Amino acid sequence: MLTPLNRIIIFVGDVQKCARFYIESFGFEALPSDHPSTQWMELDTGGCRLAFHKAHGPDGPIDSPTGSSTNPHKIVFYAEDIAAALAAVIARGTVMGEVRTFGALILCDGQDPEGHLR
């Protein structure tokens, strides 16, 4: 079963600055969002989405999925049926976390052998 790559999330200190760099450098376009643009922004790359998530500020890490910049990205896969995809991944021996919902996004984190979130 192929699980398409849907989104790459980069955890950053300045969402707008990072997004603007990719917009100006590569011509990506900002996508509409339900979240404040200082906390989250997604860009259309012509295939996989590139997202920026506020993870730290001048005083260090804030409440974020990574908790620090030691794990500065997350690879996100798409599934039409999340329960079935999760069951298939778990059946292959992959340890996954609990399913969480953020607006229209439904996420379930896991880690690869090096600790990278996916």
PDB file of N, CA and C in Angstrom:
ATOM      1  N   MET A   1       0.846  -1.180   0.000  1.00  0.00           N
ATOM      2  CA  MET A   1       0.000   0.000   0.000  1.00  0.00           C
ATOM      3  C   MET A   1       0.890   1.242   0.000  1.00  0.00           C
ATOM      4  N   LEU A   2       0.744   2.088  -0.983  1.00  0.00           N
ATOM      5  CA  LEU A   2       1.488   3.338  -1.079  1.00  0.00           C
ATOM      6  C   LEU A   2       0.827   4.394  -0.197  1.00  0.00           C
ATOM      7  N   THR A   3       1.615   5.075   0.615  1.00  0.00           N
ATOM      8  CA  THR A   3       1.122   6.172   1.452  1.00  0.00           C
ATOM      9  C   THR A   3       1.793   7.447   0.957  1.00  0.00           C
ATOM     10  N   PRO A   4       1.071   8.289   0.197  1.00  0.00           N
ATOM     11  CA  PRO A   4       1.690   9.454  -0.428  1.00  0.00           C
ATOM     12  C   PRO A   4       2.197  10.481   0.585  1.00  0.00           C
ATOM     13  N   LEU A   5       3.336  11.096   0.254  1.00  0.00           N
ATOM     14  CA  LEU A   5       3.865  12.192   1.045  1.00  0.00           C
ATOM     15  C   LEU A   5       2.968  13.404   0.817  1.00  0.00           C
ATOM     16  N   ASN A   6       2.467  14.001   1.901  1.00  0.00           N
ATOM     17  CA  ASN A   6       1.493  15.081   1.810  1.00  0.00           C
ATOM     18  C   ASN A   6       2.055  16.422   2.227  1.00  0.00           C
ATOM     19  N   ARG A   7       2.929  16.422   3.243  1.00  0.00           N
ATOM     20  CA  ARG A   7       3.354  17.692   3.833  1.00  0.00           C
ATOM     21  C   ARG A   7       4.670  17.475   4.565  1.00  0.00           C
ATOM     22  N   ILE A   8       5.529  18.469   4.502  1.00  0.00           N
ATOM     23  CA  ILE A   8       6.732  18.511   5.327  1.00  0.00           C
ATOM     24  C   ILE A   8       6.592  19.729   6.215  1.00  0.00           C
ATOM     25  N   ILE A   9       6.694  19.527   7.528  1.00  0.00           N
ATOM     26  CA  ILE A   9       6.573  20.615   8.499  1.00  0.00           C
ATOM     27  C   ILE A   9       7.976  20.938   9.001  1.00  0.00           C
ATOM     28  N   ILE A  10       8.331  22.228   8.937  1.00  0.00           N
ATOM     29  CA  ILE A  10       9.608  22.689   9.453  1.00  0.00           C
ATOM     30  C   ILE A  10       9.316  23.538  10.687  1.00  0.00           C
ATOM     31  N   PHE A  11       9.912  23.196  11.811  1.00  0.00           N
ATOM     32  CA  PHE A  11       9.699  23.915  13.060  1.00  0.00           C
ATOM     33  C   PHE A  11      10.688  25.075  13.107  1.00  0.00           C
ATOM     34  N   VAL A  12      10.165  26.290  13.278  1.00  0.00           N
ATOM     35  CA  VAL A  12      10.971  27.507  13.126  1.00  0.00           C
ATOM     36  C   VAL A  12      10.707  28.513  14.240  1.00  0.00           C
ATOM     37  N   GLY A  13      11.540  29.526  14.300  1.00  0.00           N
ATOM     38  CA  GLY A  13      11.345  30.628  15.238  1.00  0.00           C
ATOM     39  C   GLY A  13      10.489  31.735  14.643  1.00  0.00           C
ATOM     40  N   ASP A  14      10.582  31.975  13.320  1.00  0.00           N
ATOM     41  CA  ASP A  14       9.840  33.044  12.657  1.00  0.00           C
ATOM     42  C   ASP A  14       9.135  32.481  11.433  1.00  0.00           C
ATOM     43  N   VAL A  15       7.860  32.173  11.590  1.00  0.00           N
ATOM     44  CA  VAL A  15       7.055  31.549  10.539  1.00  0.00           C
ATOM     45  C   VAL A  15       7.028  32.416   9.287  1.00  0.00           C
ATOM     46  N   GLN A  16       6.703  33.687   9.432  1.00  0.00           N
ATOM     47  CA  GLN A  16       6.583  34.594   8.286  1.00  0.00           C
ATOM     48  C   GLN A  16       7.901  34.731   7.521  1.00  0.00           C
ATOM     49  N   LYS A  17       8.992  34.897   8.234  1.00  0.00           N
ATOM     50  CA  LYS A  17      10.303  35.081   7.599  1.00  0.00           C
ATOM     51  C   LYS A  17      10.682  33.848   6.782  1.00  0.00           C
ATOM     52  N   CYS A  18      10.499  32.673   7.359  1.00  0.00           N
ATOM     53  CA  CYS A  18      10.842  31.441   6.649  1.00  0.00           C
ATOM     54  C   CYS A  18       9.939  31.214   5.445  1.00  0.00           C
ATOM     55  N   ALA A  19       8.637  31.425   5.622  1.00  0.00           N
ATOM     56  CA  ALA A  19       7.702  31.248   4.511  1.00  0.00           C
ATOM     57  C   ALA A  19       8.025  32.225   3.384  1.00  0.00           C
ATOM     58  N   ARG A  20       8.282  33.474   3.732  1.00  0.00           N
ATOM     59  CA  ARG A  20       8.601  34.504   2.731  1.00  0.00           C
ATOM     60  C   ARG A  20       9.850  34.093   1.917  1.00  0.00           C
ATOM     61  N   PHE A  21      10.845  33.508   2.596  1.00  0.00           N
ATOM     62  CA  PHE A  21      12.039  33.043   1.890  1.00  0.00           C
ATOM     63  C   PHE A  21      11.669  32.038   0.791  1.00  0.00           C
ATOM     64  N   TYR A  22      10.857  31.051   1.116  1.00  0.00           N
ATOM     65  CA  TYR A  22      10.488  30.024   0.141  1.00  0.00           C
ATOM     66  C   TYR A  22       9.558  30.568  -0.943  1.00  0.00           C
ATOM     67  N   ILE A  23       8.708  31.519  -0.586  1.00  0.00           N
ATOM     68  CA  ILE A  23       7.837  32.155  -1.581  1.00  0.00           C
ATOM     69  C   ILE A  23       8.683  32.940  -2.578  1.00  0.00           C
ATOM     70  N   GLU A  24       9.589  33.762  -2.062  1.00  0.00           N
ATOM     71  CA  GLU A  24      10.413  34.608  -2.926  1.00  0.00           C
ATOM     72  C   GLU A  24      11.472  33.821  -3.692  1.00  0.00           C
ATOM     73  N   SER A  25      12.046  32.803  -3.079  1.00  0.00           N
ATOM     74  CA  SER A  25      13.117  32.039  -3.712  1.00  0.00           C
ATOM     75  C   SER A  25      12.608  31.026  -4.735  1.00  0.00           C
ATOM     76  N   PHE A  26      11.480  30.390  -4.452  1.00  0.00           N
ATOM     77  CA  PHE A  26      11.025  29.290  -5.291  1.00  0.00           C
ATOM     78  C   PHE A  26       9.656  29.511  -5.937  1.00  0.00           C
ATOM     79  N   GLY A  27       9.006  30.629  -5.615  1.00  0.00           N
ATOM     80  CA  GLY A  27       7.712  30.937  -6.219  1.00  0.00           C
ATOM     81  C   GLY A  27       6.545  30.162  -5.641  1.00  0.00           C
ATOM     82  N   PHE A  28       6.730  29.539  -4.454  1.00  0.00           N
ATOM     83  CA  PHE A  28       5.622  28.827  -3.825  1.00  0.00           C
ATOM     84  C   PHE A  28       4.547  29.833  -3.425  1.00  0.00           C
ATOM     85  N   GLU A  29       3.318  29.361  -3.267  1.00  0.00           N
ATOM     86  CA  GLU A  29       2.205  30.236  -2.892  1.00  0.00           C
ATOM     87  C   GLU A  29       1.668  29.860  -1.522  1.00  0.00           C
ATOM     88  N   ALA A  30       1.335  30.894  -0.721  1.00  0.00           N
ATOM     89  CA  ALA A  30       0.745  30.668   0.603  1.00  0.00           C
ATOM     90  C   ALA A  30      -0.670  30.124   0.448  1.00  0.00           C
ATOM     91  N   LEU A  31      -1.031  29.159   1.294  1.00  0.00           N
ATOM     92  CA  LEU A  31      -2.373  28.578   1.297  1.00  0.00           C
ATOM     93  C   LEU A  31      -3.187  29.185   2.436  1.00  0.00           C
ATOM     94  N   PRO A  32      -4.507  29.296   2.262  1.00  0.00           N
ATOM     95  CA  PRO A  32      -5.350  29.802   3.354  1.00  0.00           C
ATOM     96  C   PRO A  32      -5.265  28.881   4.571  1.00  0.00           C
ATOM     97  N   SER A  33      -5.435  29.468   5.768  1.00  0.00           N
ATOM     98  CA  SER A  33      -5.309  28.691   6.999  1.00  0.00           C
ATOM     99  C   SER A  33      -6.276  29.195   8.053  1.00  0.00           C
ATOM    100  N   ASP A  34      -6.674  28.299   8.960  1.00  0.00           N
ATOM    101  CA  ASP A  34      -7.501  28.648  10.116  1.00  0.00           C
ATOM    102  C   ASP A  34      -6.641  29.103  11.292  1.00  0.00           C
ATOM    103  N   HIS A  35      -5.313  29.017  11.152  1.00  0.00           N
ATOM    104  CA  HIS A  35      -4.388  29.315  12.246  1.00  0.00           C
ATOM    105  C   HIS A  35      -3.746  30.680  12.042  1.00  0.00           C
ATOM    106  N   PRO A  36      -3.353  31.349  13.128  1.00  0.00           N
ATOM    107  CA  PRO A  36      -2.656  32.633  12.987  1.00  0.00           C
ATOM    108  C   PRO A  36      -1.357  32.445  12.205  1.00  0.00           C
ATOM    109  N   SER A  37      -1.050  33.357  11.272  1.00  0.00           N
ATOM    110  CA  SER A  37       0.132  33.201  10.430  1.00  0.00           C
ATOM    111  C   SER A  37       1.439  33.328  11.211  1.00  0.00           C
ATOM    112  N   THR A  38       1.376  33.773  12.458  1.00  0.00           N
ATOM    113  CA  THR A  38       2.586  33.820  13.277  1.00  0.00           C
ATOM    114  C   THR A  38       2.895  32.451  13.881  1.00  0.00           C
ATOM    115  N   GLN A  39       1.933  31.527  13.849  1.00  0.00           N
ATOM    116  CA  GLN A  39       2.103  30.194  14.434  1.00  0.00           C
ATOM    117  C   GLN A  39       2.207  29.081  13.390  1.00  0.00           C
ATOM    118  N   TRP A  40       1.578  29.282  12.228  1.00  0.00           N
ATOM    119  CA  TRP A  40       1.486  28.206  11.235  1.00  0.00           C
ATOM    120  C   TRP A  40       1.250  28.813   9.861  1.00  0.00           C
ATOM    121  N   MET A  41       1.956  28.307   8.859  1.00  0.00           N
ATOM    122  CA  MET A  41       1.722  28.730   7.487  1.00  0.00           C
ATOM    123  C   MET A  41       2.085  27.585   6.566  1.00  0.00           C
ATOM    124  N   GLU A  42       1.232  27.362   5.556  1.00  0.00           N
ATOM    125  CA  GLU A  42       1.487  26.308   4.580  1.00  0.00           C
ATOM    126  C   GLU A  42       1.663  26.928   3.206  1.00  0.00           C
ATOM    127  N   LEU A  43       2.569  26.328   2.425  1.00  0.00           N
ATOM    128  CA  LEU A  43       2.811  26.781   1.069  1.00  0.00           C
ATOM    129  C   LEU A  43       2.494  25.659   0.089  1.00  0.00           C
ATOM    130  N   ASP A  44       1.946  26.048  -1.067  1.00  0.00           N
ATOM    131  CA  ASP A  44       1.701  25.110  -2.155  1.00  0.00           C
ATOM    132  C   ASP A  44       2.988  25.024  -2.963  1.00  0.00           C
ATOM    133  N   THR A  45       3.575  23.838  -3.043  1.00  0.00           N
ATOM    134  CA  THR A  45       4.833  23.655  -3.770  1.00  0.00           C
ATOM    135  C   THR A  45       4.609  23.003  -5.135  1.00  0.00           C
ATOM    136  N   GLY A  46       3.350  22.778  -5.472  1.00  0.00           N
ATOM    137  CA  GLY A  46       3.046  22.098  -6.721  1.00  0.00           C
ATOM    138  C   GLY A  46       2.923  20.593  -6.545  1.00  0.00           C
ATOM    139  N   GLY A  47       2.941  20.134  -5.326  1.00  0.00           N
ATOM    140  CA  GLY A  47       2.831  18.704  -5.011  1.00  0.00           C
ATOM    141  C   GLY A  47       2.659  18.564  -3.524  1.00  0.00           C
ATOM    142  N   CYS A  48       3.719  18.278  -2.838  1.00  0.00           N
ATOM    143  CA  CYS A  48       3.726  18.172  -1.381  1.00  0.00           C
ATOM    144  C   CYS A  48       3.667  19.581  -0.776  1.00  0.00           C
ATOM    145  N   ARG A  49       2.899  19.767   0.295  1.00  0.00           N
ATOM    146  CA  ARG A  49       2.849  21.066   0.966  1.00  0.00           C
ATOM    147  C   ARG A  49       4.069  21.249   1.858  1.00  0.00           C
ATOM    148  N   LEU A  50       4.532  22.497   1.956  1.00  0.00           N
ATOM    149  CA  LEU A  50       5.616  22.848   2.862  1.00  0.00           C
ATOM    150  C   LEU A  50       5.009  23.737   3.935  1.00  0.00           C
ATOM    151  N   ALA A  51       5.095  23.300   5.198  1.00  0.00           N
ATOM    152  CA  ALA A  51       4.467  24.028   6.302  1.00  0.00           C
ATOM    153  C   ALA A  51       5.520  24.498   7.296  1.00  0.00           C
ATOM    154  N   PHE A  52       5.248  25.637   7.928  1.00  0.00           N
ATOM    155  CA  PHE A  52       6.122  26.194   8.955  1.00  0.00           C
ATOM    156  C   PHE A  52       5.326  26.292  10.243  1.00  0.00           C
ATOM    157  N   HIS A  53       5.886  25.763  11.328  1.00  0.00           N
ATOM    158  CA  HIS A  53       5.216  25.715  12.622  1.00  0.00           C
ATOM    159  C   HIS A  53       6.091  26.440  13.637  1.00  0.00           C
ATOM    160  N   LYS A  54       5.522  27.394  14.349  1.00  0.00           N
ATOM    161  CA  LYS A  54       6.267  28.135  15.379  1.00  0.00           C
ATOM    162  C   LYS A  54       6.671  27.159  16.470  1.00  0.00           C
ATOM    163  N   ALA A  55       7.988  27.039  16.695  1.00  0.00           N
ATOM    164  CA  ALA A  55       8.474  26.070  17.673  1.00  0.00           C
ATOM    165  C   ALA A  55       9.362  26.687  18.731  1.00  0.00           C
ATOM    166  N   HIS A  56       9.920  27.855  18.461  1.00  0.00           N
ATOM    167  CA  HIS A  56      10.801  28.478  19.443  1.00  0.00           C
ATOM    168  C   HIS A  56      10.824  29.978  19.216  1.00  0.00           C
ATOM    169  N   GLY A  57      11.221  30.680  20.225  1.00  0.00           N
ATOM    170  CA  GLY A  57      11.327  32.126  20.171  1.00  0.00           C
ATOM    171  C   GLY A  57      12.658  32.551  20.752  1.00  0.00           C
ATOM    172  N   PRO A  58      12.788  33.842  21.067  1.00  0.00           N
ATOM    173  CA  PRO A  58      14.062  34.327  21.582  1.00  0.00           C
ATOM    174  C   PRO A  58      14.459  33.694  22.915  1.00  0.00           C
ATOM    175  N   ASP A  59      13.479  33.193  23.685  1.00  0.00           N
ATOM    176  CA  ASP A  59      13.775  32.594  24.987  1.00  0.00           C
ATOM    177  C   ASP A  59      13.849  31.076  24.942  1.00  0.00           C
ATOM    178  N   GLY A  60      13.891  30.502  23.741  1.00  0.00           N
ATOM    179  CA  GLY A  60      13.998  29.056  23.621  1.00  0.00           C
ATOM    180  C   GLY A  60      12.707  28.415  23.149  1.00  0.00           C
ATOM    181  N   PRO A  61      12.567  27.093  23.338  1.00  0.00           N
ATOM    182  CA  PRO A  61      11.421  26.336  22.839  1.00  0.00           C
ATOM    183  C   PRO A  61      10.098  26.804  23.445  1.00  0.00           C
ATOM    184  N   ILE A  62       9.038  26.721  22.633  1.00  0.00           N
ATOM    185  CA  ILE A  62       7.685  26.935  23.119  1.00  0.00           C
ATOM    186  C   ILE A  62       6.953  25.608  23.048  1.00  0.00           C
ATOM    187  N   ASP A  63       5.699  25.575  23.475  1.00  0.00           N
ATOM    188  CA  ASP A  63       4.912  24.345  23.431  1.00  0.00           C
ATOM    189  C   ASP A  63       4.718  23.930  21.982  1.00  0.00           C
ATOM    190  N   SER A  64       5.439  22.928  21.544  1.00  0.00           N
ATOM    191  CA  SER A  64       5.349  22.449  20.172  1.00  0.00           C
ATOM    192  C   SER A  64       5.529  20.943  20.161  1.00  0.00           C
ATOM    193  N   PRO A  65       5.173  20.289  19.047  1.00  0.00           N
ATOM    194  CA  PRO A  65       5.347  18.837  18.996  1.00  0.00           C
ATOM    195  C   PRO A  65       6.781  18.378  19.231  1.00  0.00           C
ATOM    196  N   THR A  66       7.763  19.177  18.834  1.00  0.00           N
ATOM    197  CA  THR A  66       9.143  18.746  19.009  1.00  0.00           C
ATOM    198  C   THR A  66       9.714  19.212  20.335  1.00  0.00           C
ATOM    199  N   GLY A  67       9.250  20.348  20.846  1.00  0.00           N
ATOM    200  CA  GLY A  67       9.765  20.877  22.095  1.00  0.00           C
ATOM    201  C   GLY A  67      11.111  21.564  21.969  1.00  0.00           C
ATOM    202  N   SER A  68      11.802  21.384  20.839  1.00  0.00           N
ATOM    203  CA  SER A  68      13.078  22.057  20.628  1.00  0.00           C
ATOM    204  C   SER A  68      13.429  22.019  19.151  1.00  0.00           C
ATOM    205  N   SER A  69      14.528  22.641  18.817  1.00  0.00           N
ATOM    206  CA  SER A  69      14.957  22.622  17.426  1.00  0.00           C
ATOM    207  C   SER A  69      15.860  21.429  17.110  1.00  0.00           C
ATOM    208  N   THR A  70      16.007  20.479  18.039  1.00  0.00           N
ATOM    209  CA  THR A  70      16.823  19.300  17.771  1.00  0.00           C
ATOM    210  C   THR A  70      16.132  18.352  16.796  1.00  0.00           C
ATOM    211  N   ASN A  71      14.869  18.519  16.591  1.00  0.00           N
ATOM    212  CA  ASN A  71      14.099  17.722  15.646  1.00  0.00           C
ATOM    213  C   ASN A  71      13.295  18.709  14.799  1.00  0.00           C
ATOM    214  N   PRO A  72      13.951  19.426  13.868  1.00  0.00           N
ATOM    215  CA  PRO A  72      13.346  20.591  13.246  1.00  0.00           C
ATOM    216  C   PRO A  72      12.373  20.340  12.100  1.00  0.00           C
ATOM    217  N   HIS A  73      12.034  19.104  11.833  1.00  0.00           N
ATOM    218  CA  HIS A  73      11.088  18.865  10.737  1.00  0.00           C
ATOM    219  C   HIS A  73      10.211  17.646  11.039  1.00  0.00           C
ATOM    220  N   LYS A  74       9.131  17.578  10.292  1.00  0.00           N
ATOM    221  CA  LYS A  74       8.233  16.429  10.399  1.00  0.00           C
ATOM    222  C   LYS A  74       7.745  16.104   8.988  1.00  0.00           C
ATOM    223  N   ILE A  75       7.791  14.855   8.618  1.00  0.00           N
ATOM    224  CA  ILE A  75       7.281  14.409   7.326  1.00  0.00           C
ATOM    225  C   ILE A  75       5.870  13.891   7.555  1.00  0.00           C
ATOM    226  N   VAL A  76       4.934  14.347   6.732  1.00  0.00           N
ATOM    227  CA  VAL A  76       3.521  14.002   6.915  1.00  0.00           C
ATOM    228  C   VAL A  76       3.037  13.208   5.704  1.00  0.00           C
ATOM    229  N   PHE A  77       2.379  12.095   5.965  1.00  0.00           N
ATOM    230  CA  PHE A  77       1.824  11.263   4.910  1.00  0.00           C
ATOM    231  C   PHE A  77       0.316  11.436   4.866  1.00  0.00           C
ATOM    232  N   TYR A  78      -0.274  11.213   3.691  1.00  0.00           N
ATOM    233  CA  TYR A  78      -1.709  11.376   3.511  1.00  0.00           C
ATOM    234  C   TYR A  78      -2.412  10.032   3.536  1.00  0.00           C
ATOM    235  N   ALA A  79      -3.590  10.001   4.157  1.00  0.00           N
ATOM    236  CA  ALA A  79      -4.434   8.803   4.133  1.00  0.00           C
ATOM    237  C   ALA A  79      -5.887   9.228   4.059  1.00  0.00           C
ATOM    238  N   GLU A  80      -6.607   8.674   3.130  1.00  0.00           N
ATOM    239  CA  GLU A  80      -8.047   8.946   3.018  1.00  0.00           C
ATOM    240  C   GLU A  80      -8.778   8.369   4.232  1.00  0.00           C
ATOM    241  N   ASP A  81      -8.407   7.144   4.616  1.00  0.00           N
ATOM    242  CA  ASP A  81      -8.997   6.466   5.767  1.00  0.00           C
ATOM    243  C   ASP A  81      -7.918   6.343   6.842  1.00  0.00           C
ATOM    244  N   ILE A  82      -7.912   7.268   7.780  1.00  0.00           N
ATOM    245  CA  ILE A  82      -6.847   7.339   8.786  1.00  0.00           C
ATOM    246  C   ILE A  82      -6.804   6.085   9.655  1.00  0.00           C
ATOM    247  N   ALA A  83      -7.952   5.601  10.069  1.00  0.00           N
ATOM    248  CA  ALA A  83      -7.986   4.412  10.921  1.00  0.00           C
ATOM    249  C   ALA A  83      -7.379   3.206  10.212  1.00  0.00           C
ATOM    250  N   ALA A  84      -7.712   3.017   8.946  1.00  0.00           N
ATOM    251  CA  ALA A  84      -7.176   1.879   8.188  1.00  0.00           C
ATOM    252  C   ALA A  84      -5.678   2.031   7.957  1.00  0.00           C
ATOM    253  N   ALA A  85      -5.224   3.249   7.625  1.00  0.00           N
ATOM    254  CA  ALA A  85      -3.796   3.485   7.397  1.00  0.00           C
ATOM    255  C   ALA A  85      -3.005   3.265   8.681  1.00  0.00           C
ATOM    256  N   LEU A  86      -3.548   3.754   9.795  1.00  0.00           N
ATOM    257  CA  LEU A  86      -2.880   3.577  11.085  1.00  0.00           C
ATOM    258  C   LEU A  86      -2.785   2.093  11.435  1.00  0.00           C
ATOM    259  N   ALA A  87      -3.855   1.363  11.230  1.00  0.00           N
ATOM    260  CA  ALA A  87      -3.853  -0.079  11.508  1.00  0.00           C
ATOM    261  C   ALA A  87      -2.813  -0.802  10.644  1.00  0.00           C
ATOM    262  N   ALA A  88      -2.695  -0.401   9.366  1.00  0.00           N
ATOM    263  CA  ALA A  88      -1.732  -1.038   8.465  1.00  0.00           C
ATOM    264  C   ALA A  88      -0.300  -0.764   8.905  1.00  0.00           C
ATOM    265  N   VAL A  89      -0.019   0.464   9.319  1.00  0.00           N
ATOM    266  CA  VAL A  89       1.325   0.827   9.763  1.00  0.00           C
ATOM    267  C   VAL A  89       1.674   0.084  11.057  1.00  0.00           C
ATOM    268  N   ILE A  90       0.733   0.028  11.977  1.00  0.00           N
ATOM    269  CA  ILE A  90       0.949  -0.682  13.242  1.00  0.00           C
ATOM    270  C   ILE A  90       1.142  -2.179  12.991  1.00  0.00           C
ATOM    271  N   ALA A  91       0.385  -2.734  12.026  1.00  0.00           N
ATOM    272  CA  ALA A  91       0.524  -4.153  11.691  1.00  0.00           C
ATOM    273  C   ALA A  91       1.918  -4.473  11.154  1.00  0.00           C
ATOM    274  N   ARG A  92       2.602  -3.474  10.591  1.00  0.00           N
ATOM    275  CA  ARG A  92       3.967  -3.658  10.099  1.00  0.00           C
ATOM    276  C   ARG A  92       5.001  -3.521  11.211  1.00  0.00           C
ATOM    277  N   GLY A  93       4.525  -3.290  12.450  1.00  0.00           N
ATOM    278  CA  GLY A  93       5.419  -3.216  13.594  1.00  0.00           C
ATOM    279  C   GLY A  93       5.841  -1.807  13.980  1.00  0.00           C
ATOM    280  N   THR A  94       5.235  -0.784  13.392  1.00  0.00           N
ATOM    281  CA  THR A  94       5.590   0.598  13.700  1.00  0.00           C
ATOM    282  C   THR A  94       4.822   1.072  14.927  1.00  0.00           C
ATOM    283  N   VAL A  95       5.529   1.684  15.862  1.00  0.00           N
ATOM    284  CA  VAL A  95       4.893   2.239  17.056  1.00  0.00           C
ATOM    285  C   VAL A  95       4.410   3.642  16.718  1.00  0.00           C
ATOM    286  N   MET A  96       3.143   3.916  16.993  1.00  0.00           N
ATOM    287  CA  MET A  96       2.546   5.219  16.701  1.00  0.00           C
ATOM    288  C   MET A  96       1.918   5.788  17.968  1.00  0.00           C
ATOM    289  N   GLY A  97       1.788   7.116  17.997  1.00  0.00           N
ATOM    290  CA  GLY A  97       1.153   7.797  19.120  1.00  0.00           C
ATOM    291  C   GLY A  97      -0.350   7.850  18.939  1.00  0.00           C
ATOM    292  N   GLU A  98      -1.004   8.660  19.778  1.00  0.00           N
ATOM    293  CA  GLU A  98      -2.454   8.796  19.694  1.00  0.00           C
ATOM    294  C   GLU A  98      -2.843   9.731  18.553  1.00  0.00           C
ATOM    295  N   VAL A  99      -4.034   9.551  18.019  1.00  0.00           N
ATOM    296  CA  VAL A  99      -4.565  10.403  16.953  1.00  0.00           C
ATOM    297  C   VAL A  99      -5.019  11.716  17.574  1.00  0.00           C
ATOM    298  N   ARG A 100      -4.572  12.836  16.978  1.00  0.00           N
ATOM    299  CA  ARG A 100      -4.944  14.176  17.454  1.00  0.00           C
ATOM    300  C   ARG A 100      -5.512  14.984  16.304  1.00  0.00           C
ATOM    301  N   THR A 101      -6.378  15.933  16.639  1.00  0.00           N
ATOM    302  CA  THR A 101      -7.008  16.776  15.632  1.00  0.00           C
ATOM    303  C   THR A 101      -6.667  18.236  15.878  1.00  0.00           C
ATOM    304  N   PHE A 102      -6.241  18.933  14.805  1.00  0.00           N
ATOM    305  CA  PHE A 102      -5.945  20.366  14.833  1.00  0.00           C
ATOM    306  C   PHE A 102      -6.707  20.997  13.680  1.00  0.00           C
ATOM    307  N   GLY A 103      -7.894  21.547  13.965  1.00  0.00           N
ATOM    308  CA  GLY A 103      -8.717  22.098  12.882  1.00  0.00           C
ATOM    309  C   GLY A 103      -9.074  20.988  11.915  1.00  0.00           C
ATOM    310  N   ALA A 104      -8.730  21.187  10.637  1.00  0.00           N
ATOM    311  CA  ALA A 104      -9.025  20.182   9.617  1.00  0.00           C
ATOM    312  C   ALA A 104      -7.962  19.082   9.555  1.00  0.00           C
ATOM    313  N   LEU A 105      -6.856  19.263  10.255  1.00  0.00           N
ATOM    314  CA  LEU A 105      -5.783  18.269  10.243  1.00  0.00           C
ATOM    315  C   LEU A 105      -6.013  17.207  11.308  1.00  0.00           C
ATOM    316  N   ILE A 106      -5.844  15.962  10.917  1.00  0.00           N
ATOM    317  CA  ILE A 106      -5.894  14.843  11.847  1.00  0.00           C
ATOM    318  C   ILE A 106      -4.523  14.187  11.777  1.00  0.00           C
ATOM    319  N   LEU A 107      -3.821  14.144  12.908  1.00  0.00           N
ATOM    320  CA  LEU A 107      -2.440  13.687  12.927  1.00  0.00           C
ATOM    321  C   LEU A 107      -2.231  12.548  13.909  1.00  0.00           C
ATOM    322  N   CYS A 108      -1.238  11.739  13.599  1.00  0.00           N
ATOM    323  CA  CYS A 108      -0.790  10.694  14.502  1.00  0.00           C
ATOM    324  C   CYS A 108       0.711  10.573  14.311  1.00  0.00           C
ATOM    325  N   ASP A 109       1.469  10.925  15.337  1.00  0.00           N
ATOM    326  CA  ASP A 109       2.926  10.943  15.225  1.00  0.00           C
ATOM    327  C   ASP A 109       3.549   9.592  15.516  1.00  0.00           C
ATOM    328  N   GLY A 110       4.663   9.370  14.862  1.00  0.00           N
ATOM    329  CA  GLY A 110       5.519   8.242  15.123  1.00  0.00           C
ATOM    330  C   GLY A 110       6.949   8.725  14.937  1.00  0.00           C
ATOM    331  N   GLN A 111       7.919   7.847  15.093  1.00  0.00           N
ATOM    332  CA  GLN A 111       9.319   8.228  14.898  1.00  0.00           C
ATOM    333  C   GLN A 111      10.023   7.173  14.072  1.00  0.00           C
ATOM    334  N   ASP A 112      10.970   7.632  13.256  1.00  0.00           N
ATOM    335  CA  ASP A 112      11.786   6.670  12.531  1.00  0.00           C
ATOM    336  C   ASP A 112      12.908   6.196  13.462  1.00  0.00           C
ATOM    337  N   PRO A 113      13.770   5.274  13.026  1.00  0.00           N
ATOM    338  CA  PRO A 113      14.799   4.740  13.920  1.00  0.00           C
ATOM    339  C   PRO A 113      15.761   5.781  14.491  1.00  0.00           C
ATOM    340  N   GLU A 114      15.867   6.962  13.851  1.00  0.00           N
ATOM    341  CA  GLU A 114      16.756   8.024  14.344  1.00  0.00           C
ATOM    342  C   GLU A 114      16.021   9.050  15.185  1.00  0.00           C
ATOM    343  N   GLY A 115      14.713   8.840  15.400  1.00  0.00           N
ATOM    344  CA  GLY A 115      13.935   9.750  16.224  1.00  0.00           C
ATOM    345  C   GLY A 115      13.265  10.887  15.483  1.00  0.00           C
ATOM    346  N   HIS A 116      13.337  10.905  14.146  1.00  0.00           N
ATOM    347  CA  HIS A 116      12.663  11.955  13.378  1.00  0.00           C
ATOM    348  C   HIS A 116      11.152  11.722  13.399  1.00  0.00           C
ATOM    349  N   LEU A 117      10.399  12.798  13.657  1.00  0.00           N
ATOM    350  CA  LEU A 117       8.944  12.678  13.657  1.00  0.00           C
ATOM    351  C   LEU A 117       8.434  12.453  12.242  1.00  0.00           C
ATOM    352  N   ARG A 118       7.362  11.661  12.147  1.00  0.00           N
ATOM    353  CA  ARG A 118       6.669  11.432  10.868  1.00  0.00           C
ATOM    354  C   ARG A 118       5.252  11.108  11.175  1.00  0.00           C
TER     355      ARG A 118
END
